[in-house]
Amino acid sequence: MGFTLVELLVSISIMALLSGILVPVLSHVRSKAFEVKSMSNLRGFGSQLTVFANDSQGYYPPSVATVGDRDNWTWYDPRRLVGSKQRTPRIHRSMSAYLHDYINVESLHCPDSPDQYKYLEDMWDSGDEWDNPETPQEKDPMSGSYCYFWGYDSVVITEQGKRLFRGPRRPGDGRKYSKLLACDFFGYSGGYDPSPPRTYASCERMALGASRSTQLLAPYWSGVSEMPQKPVDDDHPRPEHLPKIRLKAVYADGHVESYTEQDVVALDVISNPKTFETFGIDDDNTPGLFYIPKKALE
């Protein structure tokens, strides 16, 4: 009435074979589902941002990816959902102060990131008054899963040298401004991963990497590259080989595209808005480099 030893071994072998076939297939299906969800998030985000512009004399809201206030400020991490300080009474520190009634907070979370930031909804509802209850600092900044580039200036590093990158201010901006609104976070070195300093990080799972999170950053994937350095110039060493990764971006015309590590250029964050001096990657306070699709330069 029971299994013979041979029958048991055959059954185990069949189950092992089926597992070997199904696990990669299910993993691929799961990955594709996350990719579709992320593209949906970005598409919805882009369309609602356009609605905001239509309600606001044709302009996107100011970038909150800043440090400092009034005349003493500079750009910083483009993932910022809440900046360090309110720049002026009319320029808020929180993206929510502009977009709370336009954006579903769930769309701010990349589904392939290790986890959702546990205070995401509280942060979105608190707006300029956001303060992480787990830190002693009053009114903490907060950075999320995606990078947001409207109203954001930076310096892009290409093989031909450096040039100014200017994120769109309005849906109909001309060639002076990029059309890139938002994209997956993919970066190198910098303040998001202070130890060890020379690391890659992304909201998307990479070939290398383990999950990381802090009290002021949404959870992300991070890993150290052991590849040699190839200098772009003396001040901006850049890893020669990037980890394999698939990323998404949304543009001002509303379309969403996917791209890989082979289709990116690096942005260096401006530390002085008047002179366009950049942080580089060796400054203790650097936010690091951020990779964007090359198409954003067209």
C-alpha atoms as a PDB file:
ATOM      1  CA  MET A   1       0.000   0.000   0.000  1.00  0.00           C
ATOM      2  CA  GLY A   2       3.019   2.327   0.522  1.00  0.00           C
ATOM      3  CA  PHE A   3       5.721   3.679  -1.809  1.00  0.00           C
ATOM      4  CA  THR A   4       8.660   1.488  -2.618  1.00  0.00           C
ATOM      5  CA  LEU A   5      12.091   3.081  -2.296  1.00  0.00           C
ATOM      6  CA  VAL A   6      12.371   3.316  -6.082  1.00  0.00           C
ATOM      7  CA  GLU A   7       8.967   4.997  -6.396  1.00  0.00           C
ATOM      8  CA  LEU A   8       9.871   7.456  -3.630  1.00  0.00           C
ATOM      9  CA  LEU A   9      13.157   8.385  -5.322  1.00  0.00           C
ATOM     10  CA  VAL A  10      11.398   8.806  -8.675  1.00  0.00           C
ATOM     11  CA  SER A  11       8.760  11.064  -7.073  1.00  0.00           C
ATOM     12  CA  ILE A  12      11.419  13.188  -5.389  1.00  0.00           C
ATOM     13  CA  SER A  13      13.333  13.462  -8.680  1.00  0.00           C
ATOM     14  CA  ILE A  14      10.197  14.595 -10.531  1.00  0.00           C
ATOM     15  CA  MET A  15       9.430  17.221  -7.876  1.00  0.00           C
ATOM     16  CA  ALA A  16      13.024  18.479  -7.980  1.00  0.00           C
ATOM     17  CA  LEU A  17      12.859  18.698 -11.776  1.00  0.00           C
ATOM     18  CA  LEU A  18       9.571  20.604 -11.670  1.00  0.00           C
ATOM     19  CA  SER A  19      10.960  22.989  -9.037  1.00  0.00           C
ATOM     20  CA  GLY A  20      14.016  23.609 -11.208  1.00  0.00           C
ATOM     21  CA  ILE A  21      11.734  24.548 -14.105  1.00  0.00           C
ATOM     22  CA  LEU A  22       9.080  26.519 -12.213  1.00  0.00           C
ATOM     23  CA  VAL A  23      11.224  28.626  -9.852  1.00  0.00           C
ATOM     24  CA  PRO A  24      13.053  30.566 -12.617  1.00  0.00           C
ATOM     25  CA  VAL A  25       9.773  30.986 -14.530  1.00  0.00           C
ATOM     26  CA  LEU A  26       7.950  32.305 -11.471  1.00  0.00           C
ATOM     27  CA  SER A  27      10.889  34.591 -10.659  1.00  0.00           C
ATOM     28  CA  HIS A  28      10.767  36.009 -14.194  1.00  0.00           C
ATOM     29  CA  VAL A  29       6.994  36.507 -13.975  1.00  0.00           C
ATOM     30  CA  ARG A  30       7.408  38.285 -10.630  1.00  0.00           C
ATOM     31  CA  SER A  31      10.116  40.525 -12.087  1.00  0.00           C
ATOM     32  CA  LYS A  32       7.940  41.421 -15.091  1.00  0.00           C
ATOM     33  CA  ALA A  33       5.005  42.191 -12.788  1.00  0.00           C
ATOM     34  CA  PHE A  34       7.174  44.596 -10.769  1.00  0.00           C
ATOM     35  CA  GLU A  35       8.401  46.214 -13.991  1.00  0.00           C
ATOM     36  CA  VAL A  36       4.830  46.745 -15.248  1.00  0.00           C
ATOM     37  CA  LYS A  37       3.773  48.152 -11.864  1.00  0.00           C
ATOM     38  CA  SER A  38       6.727  50.544 -11.750  1.00  0.00           C
ATOM     39  CA  MET A  39       6.028  51.775 -15.293  1.00  0.00           C
ATOM     40  CA  SER A  40       2.396  52.304 -14.289  1.00  0.00           C
ATOM     41  CA  ASN A  41       3.520  54.288 -11.230  1.00  0.00           C
ATOM     42  CA  LEU A  42       5.724  56.563 -13.328  1.00  0.00           C
ATOM     43  CA  ARG A  43       3.145  57.005 -16.093  1.00  0.00           C
ATOM     44  CA  GLY A  44       0.475  57.993 -13.566  1.00  0.00           C
ATOM     45  CA  PHE A  45       2.890  60.275 -11.788  1.00  0.00           C
ATOM     46  CA  GLY A  46       3.797  62.035 -15.045  1.00  0.00           C
ATOM     47  CA  SER A  47       0.175  62.548 -16.072  1.00  0.00           C
ATOM     48  CA  GLN A  48      -0.823  63.964 -12.680  1.00  0.00           C
ATOM     49  CA  LEU A  49       2.176  66.274 -12.683  1.00  0.00           C
ATOM     50  CA  THR A  50       0.923  67.656 -15.996  1.00  0.00           C
ATOM     51  CA  VAL A  51      -2.497  68.177 -14.429  1.00  0.00           C
ATOM     52  CA  PHE A  52      -0.799  70.165 -11.655  1.00  0.00           C
ATOM     53  CA  ALA A  53       0.997  72.301 -14.259  1.00  0.00           C
ATOM     54  CA  ASN A  54      -2.280  72.983 -16.058  1.00  0.00           C
ATOM     55  CA  ASP A  55      -3.732  74.182 -12.742  1.00  0.00           C
ATOM     56  CA  SER A  56      -0.630  76.295 -11.950  1.00  0.00           C
ATOM     57  CA  GLN A  57      -0.135  78.659 -14.883  1.00  0.00           C
ATOM     58  CA  GLY A  58       1.675  75.990 -16.860  1.00  0.00           C
ATOM     59  CA  TYR A  59       4.528  75.302 -14.409  1.00  0.00           C
ATOM     60  CA  TYR A  60       5.632  72.213 -12.514  1.00  0.00           C
ATOM     61  CA  PRO A  61       6.246  72.757  -8.777  1.00  0.00           C
ATOM     62  CA  PRO A  62       9.719  73.872  -7.657  1.00  0.00           C
ATOM     63  CA  SER A  63      12.217  71.114  -6.928  1.00  0.00           C
ATOM     64  CA  VAL A  64      12.463  70.192  -3.238  1.00  0.00           C
ATOM     65  CA  ALA A  65      15.809  68.411  -3.781  1.00  0.00           C
ATOM     66  CA  THR A  66      17.688  71.127  -1.955  1.00  0.00           C
ATOM     67  CA  VAL A  67      19.795  71.879   1.104  1.00  0.00           C
ATOM     68  CA  GLY A  68      19.653  75.227   2.900  1.00  0.00           C
ATOM     69  CA  ASP A  69      17.198  78.118   2.789  1.00  0.00           C
ATOM     70  CA  ARG A  70      16.600  81.541   1.212  1.00  0.00           C
ATOM     71  CA  ASP A  71      19.787  82.569  -0.681  1.00  0.00           C
ATOM     72  CA  ASN A  72      21.952  79.983   1.076  1.00  0.00           C
ATOM     73  CA  TRP A  73      20.857  76.801  -0.677  1.00  0.00           C
ATOM     74  CA  THR A  74      21.958  74.338  -3.302  1.00  0.00           C
ATOM     75  CA  TRP A  75      20.614  71.293  -5.097  1.00  0.00           C
ATOM     76  CA  TYR A  76      21.038  67.876  -3.527  1.00  0.00           C
ATOM     77  CA  ASP A  77      19.728  64.312  -3.797  1.00  0.00           C
ATOM     78  CA  PRO A  78      17.062  64.239  -6.585  1.00  0.00           C
ATOM     79  CA  ARG A  79      15.173  61.514  -4.700  1.00  0.00           C
ATOM     80  CA  ARG A  80      14.101  64.091  -2.122  1.00  0.00           C
ATOM     81  CA  LEU A  81      10.421  63.973  -1.187  1.00  0.00           C
ATOM     82  CA  VAL A  82      11.088  66.368   1.689  1.00  0.00           C
ATOM     83  CA  GLY A  83      14.007  68.810   1.658  1.00  0.00           C
ATOM     84  CA  SER A  84      16.111  69.842   4.613  1.00  0.00           C
ATOM     85  CA  LYS A  85      14.549  73.291   4.959  1.00  0.00           C
ATOM     86  CA  GLN A  86      11.846  75.428   3.402  1.00  0.00           C
ATOM     87  CA  ARG A  87      13.734  77.798   1.066  1.00  0.00           C
ATOM     88  CA  THR A  88      11.272  80.698   1.290  1.00  0.00           C
ATOM     89  CA  PRO A  89       7.698  81.092   2.574  1.00  0.00           C
ATOM     90  CA  ARG A  90       6.477  80.371  -0.973  1.00  0.00           C
ATOM     91  CA  ILE A  91       8.858  77.530  -1.842  1.00  0.00           C
ATOM     92  CA  HIS A  92       8.044  74.491   0.279  1.00  0.00           C
ATOM     93  CA  ARG A  93      10.401  71.819   1.558  1.00  0.00           C
ATOM     94  CA  SER A  94       7.917  69.021   0.821  1.00  0.00           C
ATOM     95  CA  MET A  95       6.722  67.718  -2.543  1.00  0.00           C
ATOM     96  CA  SER A  96       3.457  66.891  -0.791  1.00  0.00           C
ATOM     97  CA  ALA A  97       2.768  70.591  -0.187  1.00  0.00           C
ATOM     98  CA  TYR A  98       2.289  70.890  -3.956  1.00  0.00           C
ATOM     99  CA  LEU A  99       1.123  67.446  -5.035  1.00  0.00           C
ATOM    100  CA  HIS A 100      -0.761  65.894  -2.117  1.00  0.00           C
ATOM    101  CA  ASP A 101      -4.133  66.213  -3.877  1.00  0.00           C
ATOM    102  CA  TYR A 102      -2.732  65.077  -7.245  1.00  0.00           C
ATOM    103  CA  ILE A 103      -0.539  62.064  -6.474  1.00  0.00           C
ATOM    104  CA  ASN A 104      -1.420  58.734  -4.864  1.00  0.00           C
ATOM    105  CA  VAL A 105       1.355  58.182  -2.338  1.00  0.00           C
ATOM    106  CA  GLU A 106       1.625  54.491  -3.335  1.00  0.00           C
ATOM    107  CA  SER A 107       2.926  55.557  -6.752  1.00  0.00           C
ATOM    108  CA  LEU A 108       6.018  57.011  -5.047  1.00  0.00           C
ATOM    109  CA  HIS A 109       7.190  53.515  -4.078  1.00  0.00           C
ATOM    110  CA  CYS A 110       9.237  51.401  -6.508  1.00  0.00           C
ATOM    111  CA  PRO A 111       7.747  47.875  -6.255  1.00  0.00           C
ATOM    112  CA  ASP A 112      11.143  46.209  -6.791  1.00  0.00           C
ATOM    113  CA  SER A 113      12.781  47.974  -3.837  1.00  0.00           C
ATOM    114  CA  PRO A 114      13.460  45.772  -0.784  1.00  0.00           C
ATOM    115  CA  ASP A 115      10.543  47.207   1.175  1.00  0.00           C
ATOM    116  CA  GLN A 116       8.304  50.251   1.481  1.00  0.00           C
ATOM    117  CA  TYR A 117       9.389  53.074   3.768  1.00  0.00           C
ATOM    118  CA  LYS A 118       7.231  52.565   6.837  1.00  0.00           C
ATOM    119  CA  TYR A 119       6.441  56.264   7.286  1.00  0.00           C
ATOM    120  CA  LEU A 120       5.646  56.921   3.613  1.00  0.00           C
ATOM    121  CA  GLU A 121       1.975  57.786   4.154  1.00  0.00           C
ATOM    122  CA  ASP A 122       2.677  59.786   7.330  1.00  0.00           C
ATOM    123  CA  MET A 123       5.370  61.748   5.502  1.00  0.00           C
ATOM    124  CA  TRP A 124       3.041  62.496   2.574  1.00  0.00           C
ATOM    125  CA  ASP A 125       0.214  63.637   4.862  1.00  0.00           C
ATOM    126  CA  SER A 126       2.503  65.769   7.064  1.00  0.00           C
ATOM    127  CA  GLY A 127       3.910  67.879   4.215  1.00  0.00           C
ATOM    128  CA  ASP A 128       6.268  70.647   5.358  1.00  0.00           C
ATOM    129  CA  GLU A 129       5.817  69.576   8.980  1.00  0.00           C
ATOM    130  CA  TRP A 130       7.262  66.078   8.455  1.00  0.00           C
ATOM    131  CA  ASP A 131       9.455  64.864  11.312  1.00  0.00           C
ATOM    132  CA  ASN A 132      10.614  61.271  11.683  1.00  0.00           C
ATOM    133  CA  PRO A 133       9.592  60.234  15.231  1.00  0.00           C
ATOM    134  CA  GLU A 134      12.654  57.963  15.518  1.00  0.00           C
ATOM    135  CA  THR A 135      15.224  60.771  15.213  1.00  0.00           C
ATOM    136  CA  PRO A 136      16.097  63.662  17.542  1.00  0.00           C
ATOM    137  CA  GLN A 137      16.338  66.094  14.626  1.00  0.00           C
ATOM    138  CA  GLU A 138      13.360  68.368  14.116  1.00  0.00           C
ATOM    139  CA  LYS A 139      11.716  68.258  10.660  1.00  0.00           C
ATOM    140  CA  ASP A 140      13.834  65.606   8.953  1.00  0.00           C
ATOM    141  CA  PRO A 141      14.449  65.378   5.187  1.00  0.00           C
ATOM    142  CA  MET A 142      13.254  62.268   3.347  1.00  0.00           C
ATOM    143  CA  SER A 143      14.389  60.588   0.108  1.00  0.00           C
ATOM    144  CA  GLY A 144      12.314  58.020  -1.791  1.00  0.00           C
ATOM    145  CA  SER A 145      12.580  55.332  -4.487  1.00  0.00           C
ATOM    146  CA  TYR A 146      12.551  57.455  -7.633  1.00  0.00           C
ATOM    147  CA  CYS A 147      14.555  60.487  -8.798  1.00  0.00           C
ATOM    148  CA  TYR A 148      12.606  63.632  -9.728  1.00  0.00           C
ATOM    149  CA  PHE A 149      14.126  66.117 -12.153  1.00  0.00           C
ATOM    150  CA  TRP A 150      11.635  68.893 -12.914  1.00  0.00           C
ATOM    151  CA  GLY A 151      13.046  72.238 -11.756  1.00  0.00           C
ATOM    152  CA  TYR A 152      16.361  70.518 -10.949  1.00  0.00           C
ATOM    153  CA  ASP A 153      19.754  71.626 -12.323  1.00  0.00           C
ATOM    154  CA  SER A 154      22.862  69.461 -12.396  1.00  0.00           C
ATOM    155  CA  VAL A 155      26.001  68.725 -14.382  1.00  0.00           C
ATOM    156  CA  VAL A 156      25.992  65.709 -16.655  1.00  0.00           C
ATOM    157  CA  ILE A 157      29.231  63.793 -17.273  1.00  0.00           C
ATOM    158  CA  THR A 158      29.691  62.344 -20.753  1.00  0.00           C
ATOM    159  CA  GLU A 159      32.647  60.936 -22.649  1.00  0.00           C
ATOM    160  CA  GLN A 160      32.874  64.309 -24.406  1.00  0.00           C
ATOM    161  CA  GLY A 161      33.098  66.202 -21.119  1.00  0.00           C
ATOM    162  CA  LYS A 162      30.699  67.969 -18.746  1.00  0.00           C
ATOM    163  CA  ARG A 163      27.610  69.997 -19.590  1.00  0.00           C
ATOM    164  CA  LEU A 164      24.740  71.607 -17.727  1.00  0.00           C
ATOM    165  CA  PHE A 165      21.603  69.535 -17.236  1.00  0.00           C
ATOM    166  CA  ARG A 166      18.368  71.444 -16.661  1.00  0.00           C
ATOM    167  CA  GLY A 167      15.209  69.583 -15.748  1.00  0.00           C
ATOM    168  CA  PRO A 168      11.912  70.763 -17.293  1.00  0.00           C
ATOM    169  CA  ARG A 169      10.066  73.693 -15.745  1.00  0.00           C
ATOM    170  CA  ARG A 170       6.948  73.371 -17.911  1.00  0.00           C
ATOM    171  CA  PRO A 171       5.397  70.624 -20.066  1.00  0.00           C
ATOM    172  CA  GLY A 172       6.165  72.581 -23.256  1.00  0.00           C
ATOM    173  CA  ASP A 173       9.784  73.571 -22.543  1.00  0.00           C
ATOM    174  CA  GLY A 174      12.107  73.765 -25.548  1.00  0.00           C
ATOM    175  CA  ARG A 175      15.517  72.218 -26.187  1.00  0.00           C
ATOM    176  CA  LYS A 176      17.138  74.273 -23.422  1.00  0.00           C
ATOM    177  CA  TYR A 177      15.568  71.901 -20.900  1.00  0.00           C
ATOM    178  CA  SER A 178      15.517  68.123 -20.604  1.00  0.00           C
ATOM    179  CA  LYS A 179      12.183  66.330 -21.009  1.00  0.00           C
ATOM    180  CA  LEU A 180      12.968  63.887 -18.167  1.00  0.00           C
ATOM    181  CA  LEU A 181      10.481  64.120 -15.276  1.00  0.00           C
ATOM    182  CA  ALA A 182      11.378  61.113 -13.137  1.00  0.00           C
ATOM    183  CA  CYS A 183      13.254  57.805 -13.248  1.00  0.00           C
ATOM    184  CA  ASP A 184      14.362  54.888 -11.110  1.00  0.00           C
ATOM    185  CA  PHE A 185      17.083  55.739  -8.617  1.00  0.00           C
ATOM    186  CA  PHE A 186      20.471  54.381  -9.742  1.00  0.00           C
ATOM    187  CA  GLY A 187      23.560  55.961  -8.191  1.00  0.00           C
ATOM    188  CA  TYR A 188      27.197  55.616  -7.239  1.00  0.00           C
ATOM    189  CA  SER A 189      29.001  56.529  -4.002  1.00  0.00           C
ATOM    190  CA  GLY A 190      27.746  59.385  -1.881  1.00  0.00           C
ATOM    191  CA  GLY A 191      25.648  60.091   1.181  1.00  0.00           C
ATOM    192  CA  TYR A 192      23.075  57.368   0.594  1.00  0.00           C
ATOM    193  CA  ASP A 193      25.695  54.761   1.496  1.00  0.00           C
ATOM    194  CA  PRO A 194      28.401  56.307   3.711  1.00  0.00           C
ATOM    195  CA  SER A 195      30.227  53.062   4.471  1.00  0.00           C
ATOM    196  CA  PRO A 196      31.815  51.769   2.295  1.00  0.00           C
ATOM    197  CA  PRO A 197      31.827  54.922   0.148  1.00  0.00           C
ATOM    198  CA  ARG A 198      32.407  53.468  -3.349  1.00  0.00           C
ATOM    199  CA  THR A 199      29.153  51.619  -3.903  1.00  0.00           C
ATOM    200  CA  TYR A 200      26.328  51.343  -6.383  1.00  0.00           C
ATOM    201  CA  ALA A 201      22.759  51.720  -5.193  1.00  0.00           C
ATOM    202  CA  SER A 202      19.305  51.507  -6.767  1.00  0.00           C
ATOM    203  CA  CYS A 203      15.646  50.974  -6.018  1.00  0.00           C
ATOM    204  CA  GLU A 204      15.843  48.199  -8.648  1.00  0.00           C
ATOM    205  CA  ARG A 205      17.480  44.876  -7.826  1.00  0.00           C
ATOM    206  CA  MET A 206      21.029  44.676  -9.244  1.00  0.00           C
ATOM    207  CA  ALA A 207      23.298  41.769 -10.115  1.00  0.00           C
ATOM    208  CA  LEU A 208      25.268  42.653  -6.984  1.00  0.00           C
ATOM    209  CA  GLY A 209      23.811  43.959  -3.799  1.00  0.00           C
ATOM    210  CA  ALA A 210      22.003  43.521  -0.530  1.00  0.00           C
ATOM    211  CA  SER A 211      19.149  45.574   0.866  1.00  0.00           C
ATOM    212  CA  ARG A 212      19.891  48.707   2.848  1.00  0.00           C
ATOM    213  CA  SER A 213      17.799  51.335   4.538  1.00  0.00           C
ATOM    214  CA  THR A 214      18.183  54.252   6.916  1.00  0.00           C
ATOM    215  CA  GLN A 215      15.768  56.371   8.874  1.00  0.00           C
ATOM    216  CA  LEU A 216      15.812  59.071   6.183  1.00  0.00           C
ATOM    217  CA  LEU A 217      15.967  56.984   2.998  1.00  0.00           C
ATOM    218  CA  ALA A 218      13.508  54.560   1.440  1.00  0.00           C
ATOM    219  CA  PRO A 219      14.927  50.981   1.392  1.00  0.00           C
ATOM    220  CA  TYR A 220      17.216  50.288  -1.586  1.00  0.00           C
ATOM    221  CA  TRP A 221      19.665  47.746  -3.028  1.00  0.00           C
ATOM    222  CA  SER A 222      23.368  48.411  -2.611  1.00  0.00           C
ATOM    223  CA  GLY A 223      26.653  46.701  -3.424  1.00  0.00           C
ATOM    224  CA  VAL A 224      30.376  47.421  -3.756  1.00  0.00           C
ATOM    225  CA  SER A 225      32.007  47.201  -7.168  1.00  0.00           C
ATOM    226  CA  GLU A 226      35.476  45.685  -7.400  1.00  0.00           C
ATOM    227  CA  MET A 227      35.936  46.866 -10.982  1.00  0.00           C
ATOM    228  CA  PRO A 228      38.818  49.226 -11.840  1.00  0.00           C
ATOM    229  CA  GLN A 229      38.274  52.972 -12.038  1.00  0.00           C
ATOM    230  CA  LYS A 230      38.214  54.799 -15.368  1.00  0.00           C
ATOM    231  CA  PRO A 231      38.592  58.574 -14.856  1.00  0.00           C
ATOM    232  CA  VAL A 232      36.291  60.867 -16.789  1.00  0.00           C
ATOM    233  CA  ASP A 233      38.489  63.701 -15.548  1.00  0.00           C
ATOM    234  CA  ASP A 234      40.735  64.266 -12.531  1.00  0.00           C
ATOM    235  CA  ASP A 235      37.859  65.197 -10.232  1.00  0.00           C
ATOM    236  CA  HIS A 236      35.298  62.616 -11.320  1.00  0.00           C
ATOM    237  CA  PRO A 237      36.508  59.030 -11.331  1.00  0.00           C
ATOM    238  CA  ARG A 238      33.835  56.737 -12.670  1.00  0.00           C
ATOM    239  CA  PRO A 239      33.498  52.948 -12.482  1.00  0.00           C
ATOM    240  CA  GLU A 240      34.303  51.373 -15.828  1.00  0.00           C
ATOM    241  CA  HIS A 241      31.697  48.635 -15.526  1.00  0.00           C
ATOM    242  CA  LEU A 242      28.173  49.105 -14.249  1.00  0.00           C
ATOM    243  CA  PRO A 243      26.123  46.298 -12.671  1.00  0.00           C
ATOM    244  CA  LYS A 244      23.438  44.801 -14.902  1.00  0.00           C
ATOM    245  CA  ILE A 245      20.118  46.467 -14.207  1.00  0.00           C
ATOM    246  CA  ARG A 246      16.830  47.409 -15.883  1.00  0.00           C
ATOM    247  CA  LEU A 247      15.430  50.878 -15.211  1.00  0.00           C
ATOM    248  CA  LYS A 248      12.411  53.034 -16.162  1.00  0.00           C
ATOM    249  CA  ALA A 249      11.836  56.730 -16.817  1.00  0.00           C
ATOM    250  CA  VAL A 250       8.873  59.026 -17.574  1.00  0.00           C
ATOM    251  CA  TYR A 251       9.105  62.110 -19.804  1.00  0.00           C
ATOM    252  CA  ALA A 252       7.161  65.365 -20.066  1.00  0.00           C
ATOM    253  CA  ASP A 253       5.107  64.093 -23.016  1.00  0.00           C
ATOM    254  CA  GLY A 254       3.786  61.301 -20.757  1.00  0.00           C
ATOM    255  CA  HIS A 255       5.523  58.287 -22.277  1.00  0.00           C
ATOM    256  CA  VAL A 256       7.486  55.798 -20.171  1.00  0.00           C
ATOM    257  CA  GLU A 257      10.531  53.891 -21.404  1.00  0.00           C
ATOM    258  CA  SER A 258      12.780  51.184 -19.993  1.00  0.00           C
ATOM    259  CA  TYR A 259      16.556  51.237 -20.384  1.00  0.00           C
ATOM    260  CA  THR A 260      19.641  49.421 -19.081  1.00  0.00           C
ATOM    261  CA  GLU A 261      22.994  50.303 -17.560  1.00  0.00           C
ATOM    262  CA  GLN A 262      24.362  50.600 -21.109  1.00  0.00           C
ATOM    263  CA  ASP A 263      22.064  53.568 -21.816  1.00  0.00           C
ATOM    264  CA  VAL A 264      22.956  55.938 -18.974  1.00  0.00           C
ATOM    265  CA  VAL A 265      25.049  59.012 -18.235  1.00  0.00           C
ATOM    266  CA  ALA A 266      26.078  60.263 -14.798  1.00  0.00           C
ATOM    267  CA  LEU A 267      24.842  63.429 -13.114  1.00  0.00           C
ATOM    268  CA  ASP A 268      27.073  65.246 -10.622  1.00  0.00           C
ATOM    269  CA  VAL A 269      25.145  67.383  -8.146  1.00  0.00           C
ATOM    270  CA  ILE A 270      25.701  71.164  -8.156  1.00  0.00           C
ATOM    271  CA  SER A 271      27.033  72.512  -4.843  1.00  0.00           C
ATOM    272  CA  ASN A 272      26.922  76.203  -5.869  1.00  0.00           C
ATOM    273  CA  PRO A 273      23.931  77.353  -7.970  1.00  0.00           C
ATOM    274  CA  LYS A 274      25.748  80.545  -9.012  1.00  0.00           C
ATOM    275  CA  THR A 275      28.983  78.966 -10.299  1.00  0.00           C
ATOM    276  CA  PHE A 276      27.694  75.427 -11.080  1.00  0.00           C
ATOM    277  CA  GLU A 277      30.513  73.977  -9.011  1.00  0.00           C
ATOM    278  CA  THR A 278      29.760  70.321  -8.192  1.00  0.00           C
ATOM    279  CA  PHE A 279      30.231  68.084  -5.165  1.00  0.00           C
ATOM    280  CA  GLY A 280      32.189  65.371  -6.984  1.00  0.00           C
ATOM    281  CA  ILE A 281      32.321  61.999  -5.246  1.00  0.00           C
ATOM    282  CA  ASP A 282      35.102  62.515  -2.703  1.00  0.00           C
ATOM    283  CA  ASP A 283      33.489  65.273  -0.634  1.00  0.00           C
ATOM    284  CA  ASP A 284      32.293  64.026   2.768  1.00  0.00           C
ATOM    285  CA  ASN A 285      28.891  65.600   2.158  1.00  0.00           C
ATOM    286  CA  THR A 286      28.443  64.468  -1.447  1.00  0.00           C
ATOM    287  CA  PRO A 287      25.131  62.949  -2.499  1.00  0.00           C
ATOM    288  CA  GLY A 288      27.142  61.003  -5.102  1.00  0.00           C
ATOM    289  CA  LEU A 289      26.529  60.484  -8.814  1.00  0.00           C
ATOM    290  CA  PHE A 290      23.078  59.723 -10.233  1.00  0.00           C
ATOM    291  CA  TYR A 291      22.601  57.857 -13.504  1.00  0.00           C
ATOM    292  CA  ILE A 292      19.908  58.988 -15.940  1.00  0.00           C
ATOM    293  CA  PRO A 293      18.971  57.737 -19.426  1.00  0.00           C
ATOM    294  CA  LYS A 294      21.054  59.213 -22.255  1.00  0.00           C
ATOM    295  CA  LYS A 295      17.776  60.045 -23.977  1.00  0.00           C
ATOM    296  CA  ALA A 296      17.213  62.728 -21.325  1.00  0.00           C
ATOM    297  CA  LEU A 297      19.930  64.783 -23.042  1.00  0.00           C
ATOM    298  CA  GLU A 298      18.188  64.868 -26.422  1.00  0.00           C
END
